[in-house]
């Protein structure tokens, strides 16, 4: 159930980013700042959407599963 909630929240966050992030290239400095602000607001909204579902999913894991989940983050950092 927690994984399904996380999937749903992720889909909603992605949709929100697609809708609220400007796709145009602003030509003026003030236009670029406004576009940045819109992107940041959309990103913050996405984080607020996914965060609680991710916390619920993570807290539902066993200690062994949490260790594996945490190692995924470490592995992805060493690739780049």
PDB file of N, CA and C in Angstrom:
ATOM      1  N   UNK A   1       0.825  -1.193   0.000  1.00  0.00           N
ATOM      2  CA  UNK A   1       0.000   0.000   0.000  1.00  0.00           C
ATOM      3  C   UNK A   1       0.871   1.260   0.000  1.00  0.00           C
ATOM      4  N   UNK A   2       1.922   1.261   0.804  1.00  0.00           N
ATOM      5  CA  UNK A   2       2.789   2.444   0.881  1.00  0.00           C
ATOM      6  C   UNK A   2       3.528   2.657  -0.441  1.00  0.00           C
ATOM      7  N   UNK A   3       3.901   1.560  -1.105  1.00  0.00           N
ATOM      8  CA  UNK A   3       4.580   1.686  -2.393  1.00  0.00           C
ATOM      9  C   UNK A   3       3.630   2.259  -3.442  1.00  0.00           C
ATOM     10  N   UNK A   4       2.384   1.813  -3.421  1.00  0.00           N
ATOM     11  CA  UNK A   4       1.391   2.356  -4.358  1.00  0.00           C
ATOM     12  C   UNK A   4       1.163   3.847  -4.114  1.00  0.00           C
ATOM     13  N   UNK A   5       1.116   4.247  -2.853  1.00  0.00           N
ATOM     14  CA  UNK A   5       0.952   5.667  -2.526  1.00  0.00           C
ATOM     15  C   UNK A   5       2.148   6.476  -3.022  1.00  0.00           C
ATOM     16  N   UNK A   6       3.343   5.900  -2.905  1.00  0.00           N
ATOM     17  CA  UNK A   6       4.546   6.577  -3.385  1.00  0.00           C
ATOM     18  C   UNK A   6       4.511   6.711  -4.908  1.00  0.00           C
ATOM     19  N   UNK A   7       4.082   5.656  -5.590  1.00  0.00           N
ATOM     20  CA  UNK A   7       3.959   5.722  -7.053  1.00  0.00           C
ATOM     21  C   UNK A   7       2.967   6.801  -7.463  1.00  0.00           C
ATOM     22  N   UNK A   8       1.825   6.838  -6.793  1.00  0.00           N
ATOM     23  CA  UNK A   8       0.803   7.849  -7.102  1.00  0.00           C
ATOM     24  C   UNK A   8       1.328   9.261  -6.853  1.00  0.00           C
ATOM     25  N   UNK A   9       1.996   9.443  -5.714  1.00  0.00           N
ATOM     26  CA  UNK A   9       2.542  10.763  -5.383  1.00  0.00           C
ATOM     27  C   UNK A   9       3.603  11.177  -6.398  1.00  0.00           C
ATOM     28  N   UNK A  10       4.427  10.231  -6.822  1.00  0.00           N
ATOM     29  CA  UNK A  10       5.459  10.532  -7.817  1.00  0.00           C
ATOM     30  C   UNK A  10       4.838  10.940  -9.145  1.00  0.00           C
ATOM     31  N   UNK A  11       3.785  10.242  -9.536  1.00  0.00           N
ATOM     32  CA  UNK A  11       3.097  10.579 -10.787  1.00  0.00           C
ATOM     33  C   UNK A  11       2.468  11.968 -10.697  1.00  0.00           C
ATOM     34  N   UNK A  12       1.850  12.272  -9.558  1.00  0.00           N
ATOM     35  CA  UNK A  12       1.247  13.597  -9.372  1.00  0.00           C
ATOM     36  C   UNK A  12       2.318  14.688  -9.396  1.00  0.00           C
ATOM     37  N   UNK A  13       3.450  14.415  -8.763  1.00  0.00           N
ATOM     38  CA  UNK A  13       4.534  15.397  -8.734  1.00  0.00           C
ATOM     39  C   UNK A  13       5.085  15.633 -10.137  1.00  0.00           C
ATOM     40  N   UNK A  14       5.260  14.562 -10.909  1.00  0.00           N
ATOM     41  CA  UNK A  14       5.758  14.705 -12.278  1.00  0.00           C
ATOM     42  C   UNK A  14       4.773  15.500 -13.128  1.00  0.00           C
ATOM     43  N   UNK A  15       3.496  15.220 -12.952  1.00  0.00           N
ATOM     44  CA  UNK A  15       2.470  15.956 -13.689  1.00  0.00           C
ATOM     45  C   UNK A  15       2.497  17.439 -13.312  1.00  0.00           C
ATOM     46  N   UNK A  16       2.640  17.690 -12.034  1.00  0.00           N
ATOM     47  CA  UNK A  16       2.691  19.072 -11.550  1.00  0.00           C
ATOM     48  C   UNK A  16       3.896  19.817 -12.142  1.00  0.00           C
ATOM     49  N   UNK A  17       5.032  19.129 -12.208  1.00  0.00           N
ATOM     50  CA  UNK A  17       6.219  19.750 -12.798  1.00  0.00           C
ATOM     51  C   UNK A  17       5.996  20.048 -14.278  1.00  0.00           C
ATOM     52  N   UNK A  18       5.402  19.097 -14.985  1.00  0.00           N
ATOM     53  CA  UNK A  18       5.146  19.306 -16.416  1.00  0.00           C
ATOM     54  C   UNK A  18       4.196  20.464 -16.664  1.00  0.00           C
ATOM     55  N   UNK A  19       3.206  20.620 -15.812  1.00  0.00           N
ATOM     56  CA  UNK A  19       2.216  21.680 -15.984  1.00  0.00           C
ATOM     57  C   UNK A  19       2.771  23.041 -15.568  1.00  0.00           C
ATOM     58  N   UNK A  20       3.485  23.081 -14.456  1.00  0.00           N
ATOM     59  CA  UNK A  20       3.864  24.361 -13.854  1.00  0.00           C
ATOM     60  C   UNK A  20       5.248  24.887 -14.216  1.00  0.00           C
ATOM     61  N   UNK A  21       6.075  24.073 -14.846  1.00  0.00           N
ATOM     62  CA  UNK A  21       7.397  24.563 -15.242  1.00  0.00           C
ATOM     63  C   UNK A  21       7.309  25.185 -16.630  1.00  0.00           C
ATOM     64  N   UNK A  22       7.741  26.415 -16.755  1.00  0.00           N
ATOM     65  CA  UNK A  22       7.700  27.062 -18.068  1.00  0.00           C
ATOM     66  C   UNK A  22       8.604  26.327 -19.059  1.00  0.00           C
ATOM     67  N   UNK A  23       8.135  26.184 -20.275  1.00  0.00           N
ATOM     68  CA  UNK A  23       8.929  25.512 -21.303  1.00  0.00           C
ATOM     69  C   UNK A  23       9.539  26.511 -22.279  1.00  0.00           C
ATOM     70  N   UNK A  24       9.200  27.772 -22.110  1.00  0.00           N
ATOM     71  CA  UNK A  24       9.717  28.802 -23.009  1.00  0.00           C
ATOM     72  C   UNK A  24      11.039  29.348 -22.483  1.00  0.00           C
ATOM     73  N   UNK A  25      11.789  29.947 -23.366  1.00  0.00           N
ATOM     74  CA  UNK A  25      13.040  30.604 -22.989  1.00  0.00           C
ATOM     75  C   UNK A  25      12.768  32.097 -22.860  1.00  0.00           C
ATOM     76  N   UNK A  26      12.799  32.594 -21.650  1.00  0.00           N
ATOM     77  CA  UNK A  26      12.564  34.021 -21.419  1.00  0.00           C
ATOM     78  C   UNK A  26      13.737  34.827 -21.974  1.00  0.00           C
ATOM     79  N   UNK A  27      13.427  35.939 -22.572  1.00  0.00           N
ATOM     80  CA  UNK A  27      14.460  36.748 -23.214  1.00  0.00           C
ATOM     81  C   UNK A  27      15.016  37.840 -22.317  1.00  0.00           C
ATOM     82  N   UNK A  28      14.228  38.318 -21.378  1.00  0.00           N
ATOM     83  CA  UNK A  28      14.687  39.412 -20.523  1.00  0.00           C
ATOM     84  C   UNK A  28      15.178  38.861 -19.190  1.00  0.00           C
ATOM     85  N   UNK A  29      16.054  39.588 -18.520  1.00  0.00           N
ATOM     86  CA  UNK A  29      16.515  39.143 -17.202  1.00  0.00           C
ATOM     87  C   UNK A  29      15.359  38.943 -16.222  1.00  0.00           C
ATOM     88  N   UNK A  30      14.408  39.861 -16.210  1.00  0.00           N
ATOM     89  CA  UNK A  30      13.281  39.706 -15.279  1.00  0.00           C
ATOM     90  C   UNK A  30      12.421  38.511 -15.669  1.00  0.00           C
ATOM     91  N   UNK A  31      12.284  38.270 -16.951  1.00  0.00           N
ATOM     92  CA  UNK A  31      11.533  37.099 -17.408  1.00  0.00           C
ATOM     93  C   UNK A  31      12.214  35.803 -17.006  1.00  0.00           C
ATOM     94  N   UNK A  32      13.549  35.774 -17.082  1.00  0.00           N
ATOM     95  CA  UNK A  32      14.292  34.577 -16.668  1.00  0.00           C
ATOM     96  C   UNK A  32      14.151  34.344 -15.170  1.00  0.00           C
ATOM     97  N   UNK A  33      14.185  35.417 -14.396  1.00  0.00           N
ATOM     98  CA  UNK A  33      14.015  35.286 -12.941  1.00  0.00           C
ATOM     99  C   UNK A  33      12.612  34.768 -12.622  1.00  0.00           C
ATOM    100  N   UNK A  34      11.610  35.289 -13.303  1.00  0.00           N
ATOM    101  CA  UNK A  34      10.236  34.816 -13.088  1.00  0.00           C
ATOM    102  C   UNK A  34      10.101  33.341 -13.457  1.00  0.00           C
ATOM    103  N   UNK A  35      10.733  32.932 -14.555  1.00  0.00           N
ATOM    104  CA  UNK A  35      10.690  31.527 -14.962  1.00  0.00           C
ATOM    105  C   UNK A  35      11.386  30.648 -13.926  1.00  0.00           C
ATOM    106  N   UNK A  36      12.524  31.129 -13.401  1.00  0.00           N
ATOM    107  CA  UNK A  36      13.221  30.384 -12.348  1.00  0.00           C
ATOM    108  C   UNK A  36      12.337  30.228 -11.125  1.00  0.00           C
ATOM    109  N   UNK A  37      11.659  31.299 -10.754  1.00  0.00           N
ATOM    110  CA  UNK A  37      10.772  31.259  -9.592  1.00  0.00           C
ATOM    111  C   UNK A  37       9.646  30.249  -9.810  1.00  0.00           C
ATOM    112  N   UNK A  38       9.080  30.219 -11.008  1.00  0.00           N
ATOM    113  CA  UNK A  38       8.019  29.250 -11.303  1.00  0.00           C
ATOM    114  C   UNK A  38       8.544  27.825 -11.210  1.00  0.00           C
ATOM    115  N   UNK A  39       9.754  27.598 -11.734  1.00  0.00           N
ATOM    116  CA  UNK A  39      10.347  26.253 -11.662  1.00  0.00           C
ATOM    117  C   UNK A  39      10.612  25.852 -10.213  1.00  0.00           C
ATOM    118  N   UNK A  40      11.138  26.785  -9.431  1.00  0.00           N
ATOM    119  CA  UNK A  40      11.411  26.487  -8.022  1.00  0.00           C
ATOM    120  C   UNK A  40      10.125  26.200  -7.253  1.00  0.00           C
ATOM    121  N   UNK A  41       9.086  26.981  -7.501  1.00  0.00           N
ATOM    122  CA  UNK A  41       7.794  26.738  -6.850  1.00  0.00           C
ATOM    123  C   UNK A  41       7.247  25.367  -7.228  1.00  0.00           C
ATOM    124  N   UNK A  42       7.365  25.009  -8.507  1.00  0.00           N
ATOM    125  CA  UNK A  42       6.883  23.704  -8.962  1.00  0.00           C
ATOM    126  C   UNK A  42       7.693  22.577  -8.327  1.00  0.00           C
ATOM    127  N   UNK A  43       9.007  22.775  -8.228  1.00  0.00           N
ATOM    128  CA  UNK A  43       9.864  21.766  -7.613  1.00  0.00           C
ATOM    129  C   UNK A  43       9.534  21.600  -6.137  1.00  0.00           C
ATOM    130  N   UNK A  44       9.339  22.704  -5.438  1.00  0.00           N
ATOM    131  CA  UNK A  44       8.971  22.638  -4.025  1.00  0.00           C
ATOM    132  C   UNK A  44       7.638  21.912  -3.855  1.00  0.00           C
ATOM    133  N   UNK A  45       6.686  22.203  -4.707  1.00  0.00           N
ATOM    134  CA  UNK A  45       5.401  21.515  -4.653  1.00  0.00           C
ATOM    135  C   UNK A  45       5.554  20.024  -4.878  1.00  0.00           C
ATOM    136  N   UNK A  46       6.433  19.650  -5.804  1.00  0.00           N
ATOM    137  CA  UNK A  46       6.671  18.231  -6.076  1.00  0.00           C
ATOM    138  C   UNK A  46       7.295  17.547  -4.862  1.00  0.00           C
ATOM    139  N   UNK A  47       8.252  18.209  -4.240  1.00  0.00           N
ATOM    140  CA  UNK A  47       8.894  17.649  -3.043  1.00  0.00           C
ATOM    141  C   UNK A  47       7.872  17.477  -1.925  1.00  0.00           C
ATOM    142  N   UNK A  48       7.008  18.463  -1.751  1.00  0.00           N
ATOM    143  CA  UNK A  48       5.978  18.373  -0.708  1.00  0.00           C
ATOM    144  C   UNK A  48       4.964  17.279  -1.016  1.00  0.00           C
ATOM    145  N   UNK A  49       4.768  16.959  -2.278  1.00  0.00           N
ATOM    146  CA  UNK A  49       3.850  15.894  -2.665  1.00  0.00           C
ATOM    147  C   UNK A  49       4.468  14.522  -2.418  1.00  0.00           C
ATOM    148  N   UNK A  50       5.731  14.366  -2.790  1.00  0.00           N
ATOM    149  CA  UNK A  50       6.391  13.062  -2.697  1.00  0.00           C
ATOM    150  C   UNK A  50       6.914  12.782  -1.289  1.00  0.00           C
ATOM    151  N   UNK A  51       7.363  13.813  -0.589  1.00  0.00           N
ATOM    152  CA  UNK A  51       8.007  13.629   0.714  1.00  0.00           C
ATOM    153  C   UNK A  51       7.240  12.780   1.708  1.00  0.00           C
ATOM    154  N   UNK A  52       5.992  13.106   2.007  1.00  0.00           N
ATOM    155  CA  UNK A  52       5.249  12.300   2.984  1.00  0.00           C
ATOM    156  C   UNK A  52       5.048  10.848   2.540  1.00  0.00           C
ATOM    157  N   UNK A  53       4.801  10.639   1.251  1.00  0.00           N
ATOM    158  CA  UNK A  53       4.613   9.274   0.750  1.00  0.00           C
ATOM    159  C   UNK A  53       5.921   8.493   0.828  1.00  0.00           C
ATOM    160  N   UNK A  54       7.034   9.155   0.540  1.00  0.00           N
ATOM    161  CA  UNK A  54       8.335   8.500   0.638  1.00  0.00           C
ATOM    162  C   UNK A  54       8.646   8.148   2.087  1.00  0.00           C
ATOM    163  N   UNK A  55       8.359   9.049   3.007  1.00  0.00           N
ATOM    164  CA  UNK A  55       8.594   8.780   4.429  1.00  0.00           C
ATOM    165  C   UNK A  55       7.751   7.598   4.903  1.00  0.00           C
ATOM    166  N   UNK A  56       6.497   7.554   4.484  1.00  0.00           N
ATOM    167  CA  UNK A  56       5.623   6.443   4.873  1.00  0.00           C
ATOM    168  C   UNK A  56       6.152   5.128   4.312  1.00  0.00           C
ATOM    169  N   UNK A  57       6.576   5.140   3.048  1.00  0.00           N
ATOM    170  CA  UNK A  57       7.133   3.940   2.432  1.00  0.00           C
ATOM    171  C   UNK A  57       8.400   3.510   3.165  1.00  0.00           C
ATOM    172  N   UNK A  58       9.306   4.449   3.396  1.00  0.00           N
ATOM    173  CA  UNK A  58      10.575   4.139   4.052  1.00  0.00           C
ATOM    174  C   UNK A  58      10.340   3.566   5.448  1.00  0.00           C
ATOM    175  N   UNK A  59       9.423   4.159   6.187  1.00  0.00           N
ATOM    176  CA  UNK A  59       9.141   3.687   7.545  1.00  0.00           C
ATOM    177  C   UNK A  59       8.481   2.317   7.564  1.00  0.00           C
ATOM    178  N   UNK A  60       7.904   1.894   6.447  1.00  0.00           N
ATOM    179  CA  UNK A  60       7.278   0.572   6.382  1.00  0.00           C
ATOM    180  C   UNK A  60       8.296  -0.531   6.097  1.00  0.00           C
ATOM    181  N   UNK A  61       9.521  -0.153   5.740  1.00  0.00           N
ATOM    182  CA  UNK A  61      10.545  -1.137   5.409  1.00  0.00           C
ATOM    183  C   UNK A  61      11.155  -1.748   6.665  1.00  0.00           C
ATOM    184  N   UNK A  62      11.637  -2.980   6.518  1.00  0.00           N
ATOM    185  CA  UNK A  62      12.395  -3.611   7.602  1.00  0.00           C
ATOM    186  C   UNK A  62      13.776  -2.961   7.651  1.00  0.00           C
ATOM    187  N   UNK A  63      14.525  -3.238   8.705  1.00  0.00           N
ATOM    188  CA  UNK A  63      15.872  -2.673   8.823  1.00  0.00           C
ATOM    189  C   UNK A  63      16.755  -3.118   7.657  1.00  0.00           C
ATOM    190  N   UNK A  64      16.618  -4.374   7.256  1.00  0.00           N
ATOM    191  CA  UNK A  64      17.403  -4.890   6.131  1.00  0.00           C
ATOM    192  C   UNK A  64      17.026  -4.166   4.831  1.00  0.00           C
ATOM    193  N   UNK A  65      15.744  -3.962   4.619  1.00  0.00           N
ATOM    194  CA  UNK A  65      15.285  -3.252   3.425  1.00  0.00           C
ATOM    195  C   UNK A  65      15.754  -1.801   3.441  1.00  0.00           C
ATOM    196  N   UNK A  66      15.735  -1.183   4.608  1.00  0.00           N
ATOM    197  CA  UNK A  66      16.219   0.196   4.714  1.00  0.00           C
ATOM    198  C   UNK A  66      17.703   0.271   4.358  1.00  0.00           C
ATOM    199  N   UNK A  67      18.473  -0.710   4.813  1.00  0.00           N
ATOM    200  CA  UNK A  67      19.901  -0.732   4.506  1.00  0.00           C
ATOM    201  C   UNK A  67      20.119  -0.855   2.996  1.00  0.00           C
ATOM    202  N   UNK A  68      19.359  -1.721   2.336  1.00  0.00           N
ATOM    203  CA  UNK A  68      19.468  -1.864   0.876  1.00  0.00           C
ATOM    204  C   UNK A  68      19.042  -0.578   0.173  1.00  0.00           C
ATOM    205  N   UNK A  69      17.953   0.005   0.640  1.00  0.00           N
ATOM    206  CA  UNK A  69      17.447   1.254   0.058  1.00  0.00           C
ATOM    207  C   UNK A  69      18.499   2.353   0.186  1.00  0.00           C
ATOM    208  N   UNK A  70      19.100   2.455   1.364  1.00  0.00           N
ATOM    209  CA  UNK A  70      20.128   3.475   1.599  1.00  0.00           C
ATOM    210  C   UNK A  70      21.367   3.238   0.740  1.00  0.00           C
ATOM    211  N   UNK A  71      21.702   1.972   0.477  1.00  0.00           N
ATOM    212  CA  UNK A  71      22.879   1.677  -0.341  1.00  0.00           C
ATOM    213  C   UNK A  71      22.663   2.081  -1.794  1.00  0.00           C
ATOM    214  N   UNK A  72      21.419   2.131  -2.249  1.00  0.00           N
ATOM    215  CA  UNK A  72      21.140   2.583  -3.615  1.00  0.00           C
ATOM    216  C   UNK A  72      21.591   4.021  -3.797  1.00  0.00           C
ATOM    217  N   UNK A  73      21.372   4.829  -2.795  1.00  0.00           N
ATOM    218  CA  UNK A  73      21.785   6.237  -2.844  1.00  0.00           C
ATOM    219  C   UNK A  73      23.304   6.336  -2.919  1.00  0.00           C
ATOM    220  N   UNK A  74      23.998   5.545  -2.108  1.00  0.00           N
ATOM    221  CA  UNK A  74      25.454   5.576  -2.103  1.00  0.00           C
ATOM    222  C   UNK A  74      26.012   5.119  -3.443  1.00  0.00           C
ATOM    223  N   UNK A  75      25.414   4.084  -4.020  1.00  0.00           N
ATOM    224  CA  UNK A  75      25.881   3.564  -5.302  1.00  0.00           C
ATOM    225  C   UNK A  75      25.679   4.580  -6.416  1.00  0.00           C
ATOM    226  N   UNK A  76      24.572   5.287  -6.391  1.00  0.00           N
ATOM    227  CA  UNK A  76      24.312   6.263  -7.454  1.00  0.00           C
ATOM    228  C   UNK A  76      25.249   7.457  -7.360  1.00  0.00           C
ATOM    229  N   UNK A  77      25.691   7.789  -6.181  1.00  0.00           N
ATOM    230  CA  UNK A  77      26.618   8.919  -6.017  1.00  0.00           C
ATOM    231  C   UNK A  77      28.004   8.562  -6.540  1.00  0.00           C
ATOM    232  N   UNK A  78      28.423   7.304  -6.414  1.00  0.00           N
ATOM    233  CA  UNK A  78      29.761   6.925  -6.843  1.00  0.00           C
ATOM    234  C   UNK A  78      29.855   6.768  -8.359  1.00  0.00           C
ATOM    235  N   UNK A  79      28.725   6.644  -9.041  1.00  0.00           N
ATOM    236  CA  UNK A  79      28.726   6.489 -10.492  1.00  0.00           C
ATOM    237  C   UNK A  79      29.105   7.793 -11.176  1.00  0.00           C
ATOM    238  N   UNK A  80      28.563   8.914 -10.684  1.00  0.00           N
ATOM    239  CA  UNK A  80      28.764  10.215 -11.323  1.00  0.00           C
ATOM    240  C   UNK A  80      30.094  10.755 -11.044  1.00  0.00           C
TER     241      UNK A  80
END
